[in-house]
Amino acid sequence: IDAFIMWIINVTWSIPTLLLVIAITLALGKGFWQVFIAVGLTMWVEVARVVRGQIISVKEMQYVTAARALGFNDFRIITKHILPNIMAPVIV
């Protein structure tokens, strides 16, 4: 799944952002919300790369390894350990 998502991110990132925004805006029609949607559809790539990098980094921390050794399920590890620790860099 990670390789497929990274492929989509790289393909999206290879297209010039302004050109993609103009094309999406033309497809959706004129208006503020159409431009807003077009910018949102093109600017998610940078955020996705930051989130992925943070998750990979936090996933290797000792407290996550300890939680796995204690037998916690993946949902608990994600919600209690990984998500709270990646939020600060993602928000910034």
C-alpha atoms as a PDB file:
ATOM      1  CA  ILE A   1       0.000   0.000   0.000  1.00  0.00           C
ATOM      2  CA  ASP A   2       2.828   2.385   0.882  1.00  0.00           C
ATOM      3  CA  ALA A   3       4.508   1.939  -2.506  1.00  0.00           C
ATOM      4  CA  PHE A   4       1.222   2.565  -4.348  1.00  0.00           C
ATOM      5  CA  ILE A   5       0.439   5.705  -2.340  1.00  0.00           C
ATOM      6  CA  MET A   6       3.975   7.004  -2.867  1.00  0.00           C
ATOM      7  CA  TRP A   7       3.596   6.344  -6.604  1.00  0.00           C
ATOM      8  CA  ILE A   8       0.386   8.421  -6.664  1.00  0.00           C
ATOM      9  CA  ILE A   9       2.113  11.175  -4.677  1.00  0.00           C
ATOM     10  CA  ASN A  10       5.091  11.223  -7.047  1.00  0.00           C
ATOM     11  CA  VAL A  11       2.859  11.303 -10.130  1.00  0.00           C
ATOM     12  CA  THR A  12       0.801  14.148  -8.665  1.00  0.00           C
ATOM     13  CA  TRP A  13       3.960  15.989  -7.625  1.00  0.00           C
ATOM     14  CA  SER A  14       5.442  15.700 -11.121  1.00  0.00           C
ATOM     15  CA  ILE A  15       2.615  17.781 -12.618  1.00  0.00           C
ATOM     16  CA  PRO A  16       3.086  21.542 -12.188  1.00  0.00           C
ATOM     17  CA  THR A  17       0.717  22.692  -9.447  1.00  0.00           C
ATOM     18  CA  LEU A  18      -0.526  25.837 -11.166  1.00  0.00           C
ATOM     19  CA  LEU A  19      -1.263  23.940 -14.369  1.00  0.00           C
ATOM     20  CA  LEU A  20      -3.161  21.283 -12.434  1.00  0.00           C
ATOM     21  CA  VAL A  21      -5.166  23.933 -10.531  1.00  0.00           C
ATOM     22  CA  ILE A  22      -6.116  25.630 -13.796  1.00  0.00           C
ATOM     23  CA  ALA A  23      -7.139  22.318 -15.389  1.00  0.00           C
ATOM     24  CA  ILE A  24      -9.267  21.272 -12.401  1.00  0.00           C
ATOM     25  CA  THR A  25     -10.866  24.722 -12.205  1.00  0.00           C
ATOM     26  CA  LEU A  26     -11.755  24.561 -15.890  1.00  0.00           C
ATOM     27  CA  ALA A  27     -13.242  21.097 -15.410  1.00  0.00           C
ATOM     28  CA  LEU A  28     -15.289  22.111 -12.360  1.00  0.00           C
ATOM     29  CA  GLY A  29     -16.329  25.538 -13.609  1.00  0.00           C
ATOM     30  CA  LYS A  30     -15.708  29.081 -12.439  1.00  0.00           C
ATOM     31  CA  GLY A  31     -16.174  30.118  -8.861  1.00  0.00           C
ATOM     32  CA  PHE A  32     -14.504  30.440  -5.496  1.00  0.00           C
ATOM     33  CA  TRP A  33     -15.328  26.941  -4.279  1.00  0.00           C
ATOM     34  CA  GLN A  34     -14.077  25.341  -7.476  1.00  0.00           C
ATOM     35  CA  VAL A  35     -10.704  27.055  -7.071  1.00  0.00           C
ATOM     36  CA  PHE A  36     -10.677  26.105  -3.392  1.00  0.00           C
ATOM     37  CA  ILE A  37     -11.290  22.439  -4.282  1.00  0.00           C
ATOM     38  CA  ALA A  38      -8.659  22.548  -7.028  1.00  0.00           C
ATOM     39  CA  VAL A  39      -6.010  23.950  -4.681  1.00  0.00           C
ATOM     40  CA  GLY A  40      -6.920  21.365  -2.053  1.00  0.00           C
ATOM     41  CA  LEU A  41      -6.627  18.534  -4.560  1.00  0.00           C
ATOM     42  CA  THR A  42      -3.151  19.657  -5.585  1.00  0.00           C
ATOM     43  CA  MET A  43      -1.608  20.733  -2.271  1.00  0.00           C
ATOM     44  CA  TRP A  44      -2.200  17.493  -0.320  1.00  0.00           C
ATOM     45  CA  VAL A  45       1.020  16.004  -1.681  1.00  0.00           C
ATOM     46  CA  GLU A  46       3.362  17.981   0.576  1.00  0.00           C
ATOM     47  CA  VAL A  47       1.272  17.206   3.653  1.00  0.00           C
ATOM     48  CA  ALA A  48       1.143  13.507   2.762  1.00  0.00           C
ATOM     49  CA  ARG A  49       4.929  13.337   2.479  1.00  0.00           C
ATOM     50  CA  VAL A  50       5.396  15.026   5.870  1.00  0.00           C
ATOM     51  CA  VAL A  51       2.847  12.711   7.514  1.00  0.00           C
ATOM     52  CA  ARG A  52       4.473   9.621   5.997  1.00  0.00           C
ATOM     53  CA  GLY A  53       7.932  10.696   7.135  1.00  0.00           C
ATOM     54  CA  GLN A  54       6.732  11.386  10.657  1.00  0.00           C
ATOM     55  CA  ILE A  55       4.910   8.061  10.901  1.00  0.00           C
ATOM     56  CA  ILE A  56       7.983   6.162   9.729  1.00  0.00           C
ATOM     57  CA  SER A  57      10.115   8.038  12.261  1.00  0.00           C
ATOM     58  CA  VAL A  58       7.764   7.595  15.230  1.00  0.00           C
ATOM     59  CA  LYS A  59       7.045   3.966  14.352  1.00  0.00           C
ATOM     60  CA  GLU A  60      10.697   3.137  15.100  1.00  0.00           C
ATOM     61  CA  MET A  61      10.697   4.778  18.552  1.00  0.00           C
ATOM     62  CA  GLN A  62      11.280   2.657  21.633  1.00  0.00           C
ATOM     63  CA  TYR A  63       7.883   3.325  23.192  1.00  0.00           C
ATOM     64  CA  VAL A  64       6.127   1.962  20.093  1.00  0.00           C
ATOM     65  CA  THR A  65       8.342  -1.127  20.169  1.00  0.00           C
ATOM     66  CA  ALA A  66       7.575  -1.520  23.882  1.00  0.00           C
ATOM     67  CA  ALA A  67       3.839  -1.213  23.230  1.00  0.00           C
ATOM     68  CA  ARG A  68       4.093  -3.943  20.588  1.00  0.00           C
ATOM     69  CA  ALA A  69       6.061  -6.139  23.015  1.00  0.00           C
ATOM     70  CA  LEU A  70       3.334  -5.640  25.626  1.00  0.00           C
ATOM     71  CA  GLY A  71       0.809  -6.963  23.123  1.00  0.00           C
ATOM     72  CA  PHE A  72      -1.175  -3.798  22.416  1.00  0.00           C
ATOM     73  CA  ASN A  73      -3.167  -3.938  19.197  1.00  0.00           C
ATOM     74  CA  ASP A  74      -2.348  -1.742  16.213  1.00  0.00           C
ATOM     75  CA  PHE A  75      -5.348   0.555  16.734  1.00  0.00           C
ATOM     76  CA  ARG A  76      -4.268   1.397  20.283  1.00  0.00           C
ATOM     77  CA  ILE A  77      -0.650   1.980  19.242  1.00  0.00           C
ATOM     78  CA  ILE A  78      -1.748   4.272  16.425  1.00  0.00           C
ATOM     79  CA  THR A  79      -4.235   6.294  18.503  1.00  0.00           C
ATOM     80  CA  LYS A  80      -2.295   6.489  21.771  1.00  0.00           C
ATOM     81  CA  HIS A  81       1.319   6.671  20.608  1.00  0.00           C
ATOM     82  CA  ILE A  82       1.798   7.471  16.939  1.00  0.00           C
ATOM     83  CA  LEU A  83      -0.908  10.071  16.165  1.00  0.00           C
ATOM     84  CA  PRO A  84      -0.292  12.288  19.215  1.00  0.00           C
ATOM     85  CA  ASN A  85       3.437  12.364  18.467  1.00  0.00           C
ATOM     86  CA  ILE A  86       3.154  13.279  14.791  1.00  0.00           C
ATOM     87  CA  MET A  87       0.590  16.063  15.175  1.00  0.00           C
ATOM     88  CA  ALA A  88       2.986  18.907  16.060  1.00  0.00           C
ATOM     89  CA  PRO A  89       5.172  18.641  12.927  1.00  0.00           C
ATOM     90  CA  VAL A  90       2.128  18.043  10.732  1.00  0.00           C
ATOM     91  CA  ILE A  91       0.322  21.129  12.047  1.00  0.00           C
ATOM     92  CA  VAL A  92       3.402  23.302  11.593  1.00  0.00           C
END
